[in-house]
C-alpha atoms as a PDB file:
ATOM      1  CA  MET A   1     -63.273  18.371  67.184  1.00  0.00           C
ATOM      2  CA  THR A   2     -59.999  17.381  68.792  1.00  0.00           C
ATOM      3  CA  LEU A   3     -56.677  16.703  67.179  1.00  0.00           C
ATOM      4  CA  TRP A   4     -54.899  13.392  67.404  1.00  0.00           C
ATOM      5  CA  ASN A   5     -51.198  13.437  66.548  1.00  0.00           C
ATOM      6  CA  GLY A   6     -51.601  16.602  64.546  1.00  0.00           C
ATOM      7  CA  SER A   7     -54.411  15.334  62.260  1.00  0.00           C
ATOM      8  CA  PHE A   8     -58.161  15.058  62.324  1.00  0.00           C
ATOM      9  CA  PRO A   9     -59.330  11.602  63.466  1.00  0.00           C
ATOM     10  CA  PHE A  10     -62.103  11.277  60.837  1.00  0.00           C
ATOM     11  CA  TYR A  11     -59.707  11.595  57.879  1.00  0.00           C
ATOM     12  CA  PRO A  12     -57.949   8.499  56.549  1.00  0.00           C
ATOM     13  CA  GLY A  13     -54.228   8.322  56.948  1.00  0.00           C
ATOM     14  CA  THR A  14     -53.473   7.586  53.270  1.00  0.00           C
ATOM     15  CA  ASN A  15     -54.280   9.645  50.222  1.00  0.00           C
ATOM     16  CA  ALA A  16     -56.966   8.469  47.835  1.00  0.00           C
ATOM     17  CA  CYS A  17     -55.334   7.036  44.718  1.00  0.00           C
ATOM     18  CA  PHE A  18     -57.022   6.977  41.350  1.00  0.00           C
ATOM     19  CA  PRO A  19     -56.725   3.507  39.757  1.00  0.00           C
ATOM     20  CA  PHE A  20     -54.903   3.114  36.442  1.00  0.00           C
ATOM     21  CA  ASP A  21     -57.298   3.168  33.542  1.00  0.00           C
ATOM     22  CA  THR A  22     -56.586  -0.176  31.906  1.00  0.00           C
ATOM     23  CA  THR A  23     -59.403   0.093  29.351  1.00  0.00           C
ATOM     24  CA  ARG A  24     -57.594   2.503  27.059  1.00  0.00           C
ATOM     25  CA  ALA A  25     -54.347   0.568  27.472  1.00  0.00           C
ATOM     26  CA  VAL A  26     -56.053  -2.664  26.382  1.00  0.00           C
ATOM     27  CA  ILE A  27     -57.700  -0.995  23.359  1.00  0.00           C
ATOM     28  CA  VAL A  28     -54.473   0.624  22.201  1.00  0.00           C
ATOM     29  CA  SER A  29     -52.539  -2.635  22.709  1.00  0.00           C
ATOM     30  CA  VAL A  30     -55.050  -4.616  20.647  1.00  0.00           C
ATOM     31  CA  PHE A  31     -54.979  -2.191  17.723  1.00  0.00           C
ATOM     32  CA  LEU A  32     -51.176  -1.897  17.833  1.00  0.00           C
ATOM     33  CA  SER A  33     -50.934  -5.689  17.762  1.00  0.00           C
ATOM     34  CA  MET A  34     -53.186  -5.777  14.714  1.00  0.00           C
ATOM     35  CA  LEU A  35     -51.040  -3.103  13.034  1.00  0.00           C
ATOM     36  CA  ALA A  36     -47.871  -5.077  13.773  1.00  0.00           C
ATOM     37  CA  THR A  37     -49.461  -8.188  12.257  1.00  0.00           C
ATOM     38  CA  PHE A  38     -50.360  -6.322   9.063  1.00  0.00           C
ATOM     39  CA  ILE A  39     -46.835  -4.891   8.853  1.00  0.00           C
ATOM     40  CA  ILE A  40     -45.456  -8.439   8.981  1.00  0.00           C
ATOM     41  CA  ILE A  41     -47.794  -9.393   6.114  1.00  0.00           C
ATOM     42  CA  LEU A  42     -46.834  -6.296   4.088  1.00  0.00           C
ATOM     43  CA  PRO A  43     -43.732  -7.749   2.307  1.00  0.00           C
ATOM     44  CA  GLY A  44     -45.902 -10.492   0.811  1.00  0.00           C
ATOM     45  CA  ILE A  45     -47.918  -7.973  -1.214  1.00  0.00           C
ATOM     46  CA  ARG A  46     -46.497  -7.387  -4.676  1.00  0.00           C
ATOM     47  CA  GLY A  47     -46.397  -4.355  -6.892  1.00  0.00           C
ATOM     48  CA  ARG A  48     -47.481  -0.798  -6.338  1.00  0.00           C
ATOM     49  CA  GLY A  49     -50.562  -1.903  -4.409  1.00  0.00           C
ATOM     50  CA  ARG A  50     -48.402  -2.402  -1.316  1.00  0.00           C
ATOM     51  CA  LEU A  51     -48.432   1.309  -0.399  1.00  0.00           C
ATOM     52  CA  PHE A  52     -52.189   1.709  -0.958  1.00  0.00           C
ATOM     53  CA  TRP A  53     -52.878  -1.425   1.071  1.00  0.00           C
ATOM     54  CA  PHE A  54     -50.738  -0.176   3.963  1.00  0.00           C
ATOM     55  CA  LEU A  55     -52.421   3.242   3.947  1.00  0.00           C
ATOM     56  CA  ARG A  56     -55.872   1.629   4.010  1.00  0.00           C
ATOM     57  CA  VAL A  57     -54.869  -0.543   6.978  1.00  0.00           C
ATOM     58  CA  VAL A  58     -53.438   2.395   8.938  1.00  0.00           C
ATOM     59  CA  MET A  59     -56.474   4.600   8.253  1.00  0.00           C
ATOM     60  CA  GLY A  60     -58.938   1.856   9.149  1.00  0.00           C
ATOM     61  CA  LEU A  61     -57.204   0.923  12.409  1.00  0.00           C
ATOM     62  CA  PHE A  62     -56.779   4.577  13.383  1.00  0.00           C
ATOM     63  CA  VAL A  63     -60.481   5.353  12.946  1.00  0.00           C
ATOM     64  CA  GLY A  64     -61.547   2.225  14.811  1.00  0.00           C
ATOM     65  CA  ALA A  65     -59.137   2.863  17.696  1.00  0.00           C
ATOM     66  CA  VAL A  66     -60.278   6.485  18.064  1.00  0.00           C
ATOM     67  CA  VAL A  67     -64.009   5.681  17.969  1.00  0.00           C
ATOM     68  CA  LEU A  68     -63.587   2.965  20.581  1.00  0.00           C
ATOM     69  CA  THR A  69     -61.125   4.781  22.859  1.00  0.00           C
ATOM     70  CA  ILE A  70     -62.959   8.098  23.195  1.00  0.00           C
ATOM     71  CA  GLN A  71     -65.842   6.235  24.825  1.00  0.00           C
ATOM     72  CA  PHE A  72     -63.696   5.859  27.948  1.00  0.00           C
ATOM     73  CA  THR A  73     -61.653   9.067  27.955  1.00  0.00           C
ATOM     74  CA  ARG A  74     -62.287  11.754  30.557  1.00  0.00           C
ATOM     75  CA  ASP A  75     -60.988  14.860  28.832  1.00  0.00           C
ATOM     76  CA  TRP A  76     -63.859  15.976  26.617  1.00  0.00           C
ATOM     77  CA  GLU A  77     -63.850  19.186  28.651  1.00  0.00           C
ATOM     78  CA  THR A  78     -60.954  20.268  30.850  1.00  0.00           C
ATOM     79  CA  GLY A  79     -59.932  23.189  33.043  1.00  0.00           C
ATOM     80  CA  TRP A  80     -57.155  24.073  35.477  1.00  0.00           C
ATOM     81  CA  VAL A  81     -56.634  26.762  38.091  1.00  0.00           C
ATOM     82  CA  THR A  82     -53.877  27.498  40.601  1.00  0.00           C
ATOM     83  CA  ALA A  83     -55.132  28.891  43.900  1.00  0.00           C
ATOM     84  CA  ASN A  84     -54.524  29.175  47.626  1.00  0.00           C
ATOM     85  CA  THR A  85     -57.340  27.238  49.238  1.00  0.00           C
ATOM     86  CA  SER A  86     -58.241  25.425  52.408  1.00  0.00           C
ATOM     87  CA  TYR A  87     -57.167  21.804  52.409  1.00  0.00           C
ATOM     88  CA  LYS A  88     -59.645  20.148  54.773  1.00  0.00           C
ATOM     89  CA  SER A  89     -62.834  21.021  56.537  1.00  0.00           C
ATOM     90  CA  PHE A  90     -62.666  22.510  60.046  1.00  0.00           C
ATOM     91  CA  SER A  91     -59.089  23.582  59.391  1.00  0.00           C
ATOM     92  CA  ARG A  92     -57.634  27.020  58.734  1.00  0.00           C
ATOM     93  CA  ALA A  93     -54.558  25.631  56.969  1.00  0.00           C
ATOM     94  CA  LEU A  94     -54.151  26.931  53.415  1.00  0.00           C
ATOM     95  CA  VAL A  95     -52.312  25.147  50.629  1.00  0.00           C
ATOM     96  CA  ASN A  96     -51.206  26.230  47.167  1.00  0.00           C
ATOM     97  CA  ALA A  97     -52.389  23.698  44.647  1.00  0.00           C
ATOM     98  CA  ASP A  98     -53.371  23.088  41.038  1.00  0.00           C
ATOM     99  CA  ILE A  99     -57.047  22.107  40.767  1.00  0.00           C
ATOM    100  CA  GLY A 100     -58.202  20.375  37.592  1.00  0.00           C
ATOM    101  CA  LEU A 101     -61.635  19.456  36.298  1.00  0.00           C
ATOM    102  CA  HIS A 102     -61.982  16.865  33.533  1.00  0.00           C
ATOM    103  CA  ILE A 103     -65.438  16.022  32.172  1.00  0.00           C
ATOM    104  CA  GLY A 104     -66.074  12.863  30.164  1.00  0.00           C
ATOM    105  CA  LEU A 105     -69.106  11.081  28.787  1.00  0.00           C
ATOM    106  CA  ALA A 106     -69.519   8.949  31.912  1.00  0.00           C
ATOM    107  CA  GLY A 107     -68.557  11.329  34.724  1.00  0.00           C
ATOM    108  CA  VAL A 108     -66.143  13.932  36.030  1.00  0.00           C
ATOM    109  CA  ASN A 109     -62.544  13.612  37.133  1.00  0.00           C
ATOM    110  CA  ILE A 110     -61.213  16.110  39.715  1.00  0.00           C
ATOM    111  CA  THR A 111     -57.487  16.546  40.315  1.00  0.00           C
ATOM    112  CA  LEU A 112     -55.684  18.226  43.198  1.00  0.00           C
ATOM    113  CA  VAL A 113     -51.890  18.540  43.076  1.00  0.00           C
ATOM    114  CA  GLY A 114     -49.985  20.624  45.621  1.00  0.00           C
ATOM    115  CA  ASN A 115     -47.287  23.176  44.809  1.00  0.00           C
ATOM    116  CA  PRO A 116     -45.113  21.642  46.164  1.00  0.00           C
ATOM    117  CA  VAL A 117     -46.649  18.209  46.553  1.00  0.00           C
ATOM    118  CA  ASN A 118     -45.620  17.848  50.207  1.00  0.00           C
ATOM    119  CA  GLN A 119     -47.468  20.413  52.342  1.00  0.00           C
ATOM    120  CA  VAL A 120     -48.980  20.445  55.857  1.00  0.00           C
ATOM    121  CA  ASN A 121     -47.173  17.165  56.560  1.00  0.00           C
ATOM    122  CA  GLU A 122     -49.065  15.368  53.754  1.00  0.00           C
ATOM    123  CA  THR A 123     -48.633  14.439  50.120  1.00  0.00           C
ATOM    124  CA  ILE A 124     -51.246  16.387  48.172  1.00  0.00           C
ATOM    125  CA  ASN A 125     -51.793  14.381  45.005  1.00  0.00           C
ATOM    126  CA  TYR A 126     -55.419  13.381  44.407  1.00  0.00           C
ATOM    127  CA  ASN A 127     -57.309  12.305  41.329  1.00  0.00           C
ATOM    128  CA  GLU A 128     -60.932  11.323  42.017  1.00  0.00           C
ATOM    129  CA  HIS A 129     -63.603  10.125  39.591  1.00  0.00           C
ATOM    130  CA  PHE A 130     -67.356  10.599  40.109  1.00  0.00           C
ATOM    131  CA  ALA A 131     -69.432   8.616  37.599  1.00  0.00           C
ATOM    132  CA  TRP A 132     -72.940   9.286  36.270  1.00  0.00           C
ATOM    133  CA  SER A 133     -73.275   6.364  33.845  1.00  0.00           C
ATOM    134  CA  PHE A 134     -76.367   4.124  33.765  1.00  0.00           C
ATOM    135  CA  ASP A 135     -74.999   1.745  36.396  1.00  0.00           C
ATOM    136  CA  ALA A 136     -73.563   4.479  38.661  1.00  0.00           C
ATOM    137  CA  ASP A 137     -75.055   6.901  41.165  1.00  0.00           C
ATOM    138  CA  TYR A 138     -73.260  10.234  41.221  1.00  0.00           C
ATOM    139  CA  ASP A 139     -74.787  11.362  44.522  1.00  0.00           C
ATOM    140  CA  HIS A 140     -73.761   8.078  46.127  1.00  0.00           C
ATOM    141  CA  SER A 141     -70.165   8.543  44.924  1.00  0.00           C
ATOM    142  CA  TYR A 142     -70.199  12.080  46.291  1.00  0.00           C
ATOM    143  CA  GLY A 143     -71.500  10.787  49.639  1.00  0.00           C
ATOM    144  CA  GLU A 144     -68.671   8.249  49.771  1.00  0.00           C
ATOM    145  CA  GLY A 145     -66.223  11.079  49.169  1.00  0.00           C
ATOM    146  CA  LEU A 146     -67.657  12.938  52.133  1.00  0.00           C
ATOM    147  CA  GLU A 147     -67.312   9.829  54.315  1.00  0.00           C
ATOM    148  CA  LYS A 148     -63.698   9.310  53.249  1.00  0.00           C
ATOM    149  CA  GLY A 149     -62.910  12.922  54.058  1.00  0.00           C
ATOM    150  CA  LEU A 150     -61.607  14.008  50.675  1.00  0.00           C
ATOM    151  CA  PRO A 151     -59.969  17.451  50.507  1.00  0.00           C
ATOM    152  CA  SER A 152     -62.310  20.413  50.452  1.00  0.00           C
ATOM    153  CA  PRO A 153     -61.426  21.605  46.891  1.00  0.00           C
ATOM    154  CA  ILE A 154     -62.401  18.220  45.426  1.00  0.00           C
ATOM    155  CA  LEU A 155     -65.684  18.093  47.330  1.00  0.00           C
ATOM    156  CA  TYR A 156     -66.449  21.702  46.421  1.00  0.00           C
ATOM    157  CA  VAL A 157     -66.057  21.056  42.679  1.00  0.00           C
ATOM    158  CA  ALA A 158     -67.878  17.704  42.844  1.00  0.00           C
ATOM    159  CA  GLU A 159     -70.819  19.316  44.637  1.00  0.00           C
ATOM    160  CA  LYS A 160     -71.471  21.536  41.596  1.00  0.00           C
ATOM    161  CA  PHE A 161     -72.496  18.437  39.585  1.00  0.00           C
ATOM    162  CA  THR A 162     -74.786  16.752  42.111  1.00  0.00           C
ATOM    163  CA  THR A 163     -78.504  16.427  41.490  1.00  0.00           C
ATOM    164  CA  GLN A 164     -79.229  18.636  44.525  1.00  0.00           C
ATOM    165  CA  SER A 165     -76.951  21.439  43.349  1.00  0.00           C
ATOM    166  CA  PRO A 166     -78.659  24.714  42.362  1.00  0.00           C
ATOM    167  CA  CYS A 167     -76.409  24.793  39.278  1.00  0.00           C
ATOM    168  CA  GLY A 168     -78.643  22.200  37.612  1.00  0.00           C
ATOM    169  CA  VAL A 169     -75.955  20.883  35.216  1.00  0.00           C
ATOM    170  CA  HIS A 170     -76.030  17.228  36.311  1.00  0.00           C
ATOM    171  CA  ARG A 171     -79.065  16.238  34.259  1.00  0.00           C
ATOM    172  CA  GLN A 172     -77.871  18.018  31.102  1.00  0.00           C
ATOM    173  CA  TYR A 173     -74.367  16.552  31.213  1.00  0.00           C
ATOM    174  CA  ARG A 174     -75.650  13.073  32.040  1.00  0.00           C
ATOM    175  CA  ILE A 175     -78.217  12.951  29.215  1.00  0.00           C
ATOM    176  CA  SER A 176     -75.839  14.504  26.686  1.00  0.00           C
ATOM    177  CA  GLY A 177     -73.114  12.049  27.662  1.00  0.00           C
ATOM    178  CA  HIS A 178     -75.454   9.081  27.244  1.00  0.00           C
ATOM    179  CA  TYR A 179     -76.616  10.154  23.770  1.00  0.00           C
ATOM    180  CA  ALA A 180     -73.073  10.984  22.663  1.00  0.00           C
ATOM    181  CA  SER A 181     -71.893   7.553  23.840  1.00  0.00           C
ATOM    182  CA  LEU A 182     -74.772   5.850  22.003  1.00  0.00           C
ATOM    183  CA  THR A 183     -73.985   7.591  18.709  1.00  0.00           C
ATOM    184  CA  LEU A 184     -70.305   6.681  19.063  1.00  0.00           C
ATOM    185  CA  TRP A 185     -71.183   2.996  19.529  1.00  0.00           C
ATOM    186  CA  MET A 186     -73.286   3.229  16.389  1.00  0.00           C
ATOM    187  CA  ALA A 187     -70.332   4.865  14.616  1.00  0.00           C
ATOM    188  CA  PHE A 188     -68.142   1.942  15.668  1.00  0.00           C
ATOM    189  CA  CYS A 189     -70.654  -0.509  14.165  1.00  0.00           C
ATOM    190  CA  THR A 190     -70.837   1.403  10.860  1.00  0.00           C
ATOM    191  CA  TRP A 191     -67.032   1.502  10.790  1.00  0.00           C
ATOM    192  CA  LEU A 192     -66.945  -2.306  11.063  1.00  0.00           C
ATOM    193  CA  ILE A 193     -69.490  -2.607   8.239  1.00  0.00           C
ATOM    194  CA  SER A 194     -67.447  -0.254   6.049  1.00  0.00           C
ATOM    195  CA  ILE A 195     -64.328  -2.387   6.613  1.00  0.00           C
ATOM    196  CA  LEU A 196     -66.268  -5.501   5.565  1.00  0.00           C
ATOM    197  CA  LEU A 197     -67.676  -3.808   2.463  1.00  0.00           C
ATOM    198  CA  PHE A 198     -64.256  -2.538   1.384  1.00  0.00           C
ATOM    199  CA  SER A 199     -62.766  -6.010   1.763  1.00  0.00           C
ATOM    200  CA  MET A 200     -65.503  -7.799  -0.268  1.00  0.00           C
ATOM    201  CA  PRO A 201     -65.050  -5.369  -2.248  1.00  0.00           C
ATOM    202  CA  ILE A 202     -68.210  -3.269  -2.538  1.00  0.00           C
ATOM    203  CA  LEU A 203     -66.584   0.137  -2.751  1.00  0.00           C
ATOM    204  CA  LEU A 204     -69.606   2.392  -3.218  1.00  0.00           C
ATOM    205  CA  TYR A 205     -71.517   1.073  -0.217  1.00  0.00           C
ATOM    206  CA  GLY A 206     -68.316   1.078   1.808  1.00  0.00           C
ATOM    207  CA  GLY A 207     -68.044   4.795   1.087  1.00  0.00           C
ATOM    208  CA  TYR A 208     -71.650   5.276   2.197  1.00  0.00           C
ATOM    209  CA  MET A 209     -70.936   3.495   5.493  1.00  0.00           C
ATOM    210  CA  LEU A 210     -67.816   5.599   6.027  1.00  0.00           C
ATOM    211  CA  LEU A 211     -69.893   8.709   5.399  1.00  0.00           C
ATOM    212  CA  LEU A 212     -72.449   7.498   7.943  1.00  0.00           C
ATOM    213  CA  THR A 213     -69.634   6.908  10.461  1.00  0.00           C
ATOM    214  CA  ALA A 214     -68.522  10.521  10.059  1.00  0.00           C
ATOM    215  CA  THR A 215     -72.095  11.767  10.476  1.00  0.00           C
ATOM    216  CA  LEU A 216     -72.568   9.844  13.729  1.00  0.00           C
ATOM    217  CA  MET A 217     -69.281  11.109  15.139  1.00  0.00           C
ATOM    218  CA  LEU A 218     -70.204  14.701  14.364  1.00  0.00           C
ATOM    219  CA  PHE A 219     -73.624  14.158  15.944  1.00  0.00           C
ATOM    220  CA  SER A 220     -71.922  12.979  19.154  1.00  0.00           C
ATOM    221  CA  LEU A 221     -70.059  16.299  19.247  1.00  0.00           C
ATOM    222  CA  LEU A 222     -73.352  18.110  18.790  1.00  0.00           C
ATOM    223  CA  PHE A 223     -74.853  16.308  21.795  1.00  0.00           C
ATOM    224  CA  PHE A 224     -71.895  17.215  23.981  1.00  0.00           C
ATOM    225  CA  PHE A 225     -71.944  20.778  22.652  1.00  0.00           C
ATOM    226  CA  THR A 226     -75.453  21.274  24.036  1.00  0.00           C
ATOM    227  CA  ALA A 227     -74.255  20.370  27.547  1.00  0.00           C
ATOM    228  CA  ARG A 228     -71.108  22.480  27.239  1.00  0.00           C
ATOM    229  CA  ASN A 229     -73.080  25.624  26.469  1.00  0.00           C
ATOM    230  CA  THR A 230     -75.546  25.390  29.349  1.00  0.00           C
ATOM    231  CA  PRO A 231     -75.260  28.145  32.013  1.00  0.00           C
ATOM    232  CA  LYS A 232     -72.848  27.072  34.753  1.00  0.00           C
ATOM    233  CA  CYS A 233     -72.278  28.143  38.301  1.00  0.00           C
ATOM    234  CA  PRO A 234     -68.911  29.839  38.826  1.00  0.00           C
ATOM    235  CA  ILE A 235     -66.271  27.673  40.506  1.00  0.00           C
ATOM    236  CA  GLN A 236     -64.352  30.190  42.597  1.00  0.00           C
ATOM    237  CA  PHE A 237     -61.269  29.673  44.769  1.00  0.00           C
ATOM    238  CA  GLY A 238     -60.868  33.110  46.203  1.00  0.00           C
ATOM    239  CA  PRO A 239     -60.020  35.492  43.350  1.00  0.00           C
ATOM    240  CA  ALA A 240     -59.202  32.612  41.009  1.00  0.00           C
ATOM    241  CA  SER A 241     -61.895  31.016  38.863  1.00  0.00           C
ATOM    242  CA  LEU A 242     -61.888  27.514  37.369  1.00  0.00           C
ATOM    243  CA  LYS A 243     -62.957  27.678  33.727  1.00  0.00           C
ATOM    244  CA  THR A 244     -63.161  24.766  31.307  1.00  0.00           C
ATOM    245  CA  GLU A 245     -62.545  24.422  27.587  1.00  0.00           C
ATOM    246  CA  TYR A 246     -62.966  21.643  25.049  1.00  0.00           C
ATOM    247  CA  GLY A 247     -60.442  18.876  25.723  1.00  0.00           C
ATOM    248  CA  GLY A 248     -58.336  16.566  23.612  1.00  0.00           C
ATOM    249  CA  SER A 249     -61.045  13.934  23.121  1.00  0.00           C
ATOM    250  CA  PHE A 250     -63.428  16.511  21.667  1.00  0.00           C
ATOM    251  CA  TRP A 251     -60.905  17.757  19.112  1.00  0.00           C
ATOM    252  CA  LEU A 252     -59.735  14.229  18.287  1.00  0.00           C
ATOM    253  CA  THR A 253     -63.334  13.189  17.610  1.00  0.00           C
ATOM    254  CA  LEU A 254     -63.854  16.242  15.416  1.00  0.00           C
ATOM    255  CA  ALA A 255     -60.677  15.573  13.411  1.00  0.00           C
ATOM    256  CA  THR A 256     -61.488  11.874  12.953  1.00  0.00           C
ATOM    257  CA  GLY A 257     -65.067  12.654  11.938  1.00  0.00           C
ATOM    258  CA  LEU A 258     -63.881  15.130   9.303  1.00  0.00           C
ATOM    259  CA  LEU A 259     -61.325  12.576   8.071  1.00  0.00           C
ATOM    260  CA  CYS A 260     -64.050   9.940   7.640  1.00  0.00           C
ATOM    261  CA  LEU A 261     -66.212  12.529   5.890  1.00  0.00           C
ATOM    262  CA  LEU A 262     -63.467  13.349   3.379  1.00  0.00           C
ATOM    263  CA  LEU A 263     -62.627   9.683   2.790  1.00  0.00           C
ATOM    264  CA  GLY A 264     -66.267   8.706   2.305  1.00  0.00           C
ATOM    265  CA  LEU A 265     -66.917  11.572  -0.106  1.00  0.00           C
ATOM    266  CA  GLY A 266     -63.703  10.752  -1.953  1.00  0.00           C
ATOM    267  CA  VAL A 267     -64.744   7.119  -2.473  1.00  0.00           C
ATOM    268  CA  ILE A 268     -68.228   8.109  -3.671  1.00  0.00           C
ATOM    269  CA  ILE A 269     -66.957  10.813  -6.049  1.00  0.00           C
ATOM    270  CA  LEU A 270     -64.190   8.642  -7.505  1.00  0.00           C
ATOM    271  CA  ASN A 271     -66.625   5.781  -8.000  1.00  0.00           C
ATOM    272  CA  SER A 272     -68.860   7.998 -10.149  1.00  0.00           C
ATOM    273  CA  VAL A 273     -66.191  10.076 -11.941  1.00  0.00           C
ATOM    274  CA  GLN A 274     -63.096   7.880 -12.271  1.00  0.00           C
ATOM    275  CA  PRO A 275     -63.852   4.331 -11.131  1.00  0.00           C
ATOM    276  CA  GLU A 276     -60.606   2.996 -12.613  1.00  0.00           C
ATOM    277  CA  LYS A 277     -58.502   5.094 -10.247  1.00  0.00           C
ATOM    278  CA  LEU A 278     -60.614   3.947  -7.323  1.00  0.00           C
ATOM    279  CA  LYS A 279     -60.055   0.323  -8.344  1.00  0.00           C
ATOM    280  CA  LEU A 280     -56.346   1.071  -8.553  1.00  0.00           C
ATOM    281  CA  VAL A 281     -56.335   2.319  -4.949  1.00  0.00           C
ATOM    282  CA  PHE A 282     -58.064  -0.891  -3.811  1.00  0.00           C
ATOM    283  CA  ASN A 283     -55.790  -3.110  -5.974  1.00  0.00           C
ATOM    284  CA  LEU A 284     -58.597  -4.404  -8.175  1.00  0.00           C
ATOM    285  CA  ASP A 285     -57.060  -3.787 -11.630  1.00  0.00           C
ATOM    286  CA  GLU A 286     -54.145  -6.135 -11.133  1.00  0.00           C
ATOM    287  CA  GLY A 287     -56.428  -8.991 -10.169  1.00  0.00           C
ATOM    288  CA  LYS A 288     -58.599  -8.476 -13.220  1.00  0.00           C
ATOM    289  CA  GLY A 289     -55.537  -8.427 -15.461  1.00  0.00           C
ATOM    290  CA  GLU A 290     -54.329 -11.731 -14.052  1.00  0.00           C
ATOM    291  CA  GLU A 291     -57.770 -13.249 -14.539  1.00  0.00           C
ATOM    292  CA  LYS A 292     -57.791 -12.166 -18.195  1.00  0.00           C
ATOM    293  CA  VAL A 293     -54.359 -13.701 -18.789  1.00  0.00           C
ATOM    294  CA  ARG A 294     -55.407 -16.887 -17.018  1.00  0.00           C
ATOM    295  CA  ASP A 295     -58.597 -17.104 -19.095  1.00  0.00           C
ATOM    296  CA  LYS A 296     -56.657 -16.633 -22.336  1.00  0.00           C
ATOM    297  CA  SER A 297     -54.182 -19.362 -21.405  1.00  0.00           C
ATOM    298  CA  TYR A 298     -57.005 -21.889 -21.137  1.00  0.00           C
ATOM    299  CA  LEU A 299     -58.593 -20.964 -24.477  1.00  0.00           C
ATOM    300  CA  PRO A 300     -58.232 -23.563 -27.275  1.00  0.00           C
ATOM    301  CA  ALA A 301     -55.944 -22.867 -30.198  1.00  0.00           C
ATOM    302  CA  LYS A 302     -57.326 -20.851 -33.054  1.00  0.00           C
ATOM    303  CA  PRO A 303     -58.770 -23.020 -35.798  1.00  0.00           C
ATOM    304  CA  SER A 304     -57.111 -23.114 -39.199  1.00  0.00           C
ATOM    305  CA  SER A 305     -58.245 -20.945 -42.063  1.00  0.00           C
ATOM    306  CA  SER A 306     -59.783 -23.907 -43.880  1.00  0.00           C
ATOM    307  CA  VAL A 307     -61.914 -24.798 -40.918  1.00  0.00           C
ATOM    308  CA  GLN A 308     -62.895 -21.172 -40.573  1.00  0.00           C
ATOM    309  CA  ASP A 309     -63.929 -21.133 -44.232  1.00  0.00           C
ATOM    310  CA  VAL A 310     -66.046 -24.198 -43.778  1.00  0.00           C
ATOM    311  CA  LEU A 311     -67.656 -22.767 -40.690  1.00  0.00           C
ATOM    312  CA  MET A 312     -68.314 -19.450 -42.385  1.00  0.00           C
ATOM    313  CA  VAL A 313     -70.250 -20.915 -45.365  1.00  0.00           C
ATOM    314  CA  PRO A 314     -73.688 -19.304 -45.508  1.00  0.00           C
ATOM    315  CA  VAL A 315     -76.546 -21.615 -44.804  1.00  0.00           C
ATOM    316  CA  GLY A 316     -78.359 -20.541 -47.989  1.00  0.00           C
ATOM    317  CA  GLU A 317     -75.546 -21.868 -50.222  1.00  0.00           C
ATOM    318  CA  LEU A 318     -75.751 -25.378 -48.900  1.00  0.00           C
ATOM    319  CA  CYS A 319     -77.288 -27.747 -51.479  1.00  0.00           C
ATOM    320  CA  GLU A 320     -79.422 -30.770 -50.777  1.00  0.00           C
ATOM    321  CA  VAL A 321     -77.642 -34.122 -51.340  1.00  0.00           C
ATOM    322  CA  THR A 322     -79.676 -37.229 -52.254  1.00  0.00           C
ATOM    323  CA  ALA A 323     -78.178 -40.619 -51.589  1.00  0.00           C
ATOM    324  CA  THR A 324     -79.042 -43.529 -54.035  1.00  0.00           C
ATOM    325  CA  GLN A 325     -78.735 -47.119 -52.883  1.00  0.00           C
ATOM    326  CA  LEU A 326     -76.687 -49.314 -55.226  1.00  0.00           C
END
């Protein structure tokens, strides 16, 4: 190979830029807009039920936003390492960089950031995504990375997850990610049903649906746990080793699942032990009281004592009257 102006001719002149993930931004914006709308409605709610109503809205929107957002996050498993490594193939130039690996349900995200960013006359700031979802081909994405001439550390880490790699982790991560995503979509559906049941209100069955939502979320963690604990090939950069741990999405899913579990159990237990307090939380007592007052206001006036006496005469004391024509 020959050099041309100090660079290799088969590498592109510009760095590969990772596009902004608009999916999470749209989801968060939608749920924040809904929260703002409910806050505007909040002053119109009277009495002590205002606080309970606001807490129910916040909890419901939080659970829905988490279940929907974690489908598209890429930090279920993360790891970082700082190492001196070669920057490009067929080059002896070494760079000091931070190398990150982020594994999601639909693929891996590999980050390369130089220390400092500007080295070897280039800006080292890469963030590449390699997908393995149903409509994506991981090996094809890896081949495109080779054609673009991505830095060697990114290609080295991405190669560990190809179908041809001797590590054999591609199939396990792909299947586990698909099943975890499926259970999370089911959890989102049960969350919607629980919101509908609580608003009808059918409190007991709403608690059951919330309990089912928690179960599905915890099952999604179990699916991902099976892939996380498979034997992995070491990812070495000289003496440094890239090791991964559970990321923010994993712990957020676990916390939200446990929250739904506690809320569902609380609704079921209160419904069987102290249903009046449960109705108080869902603002059902005040409505019943108003209905009773409204029903009493439409009742006719009480009859007089004489009328009551006439109405209370036993049937056996009534005598037969015979009419005689004059």
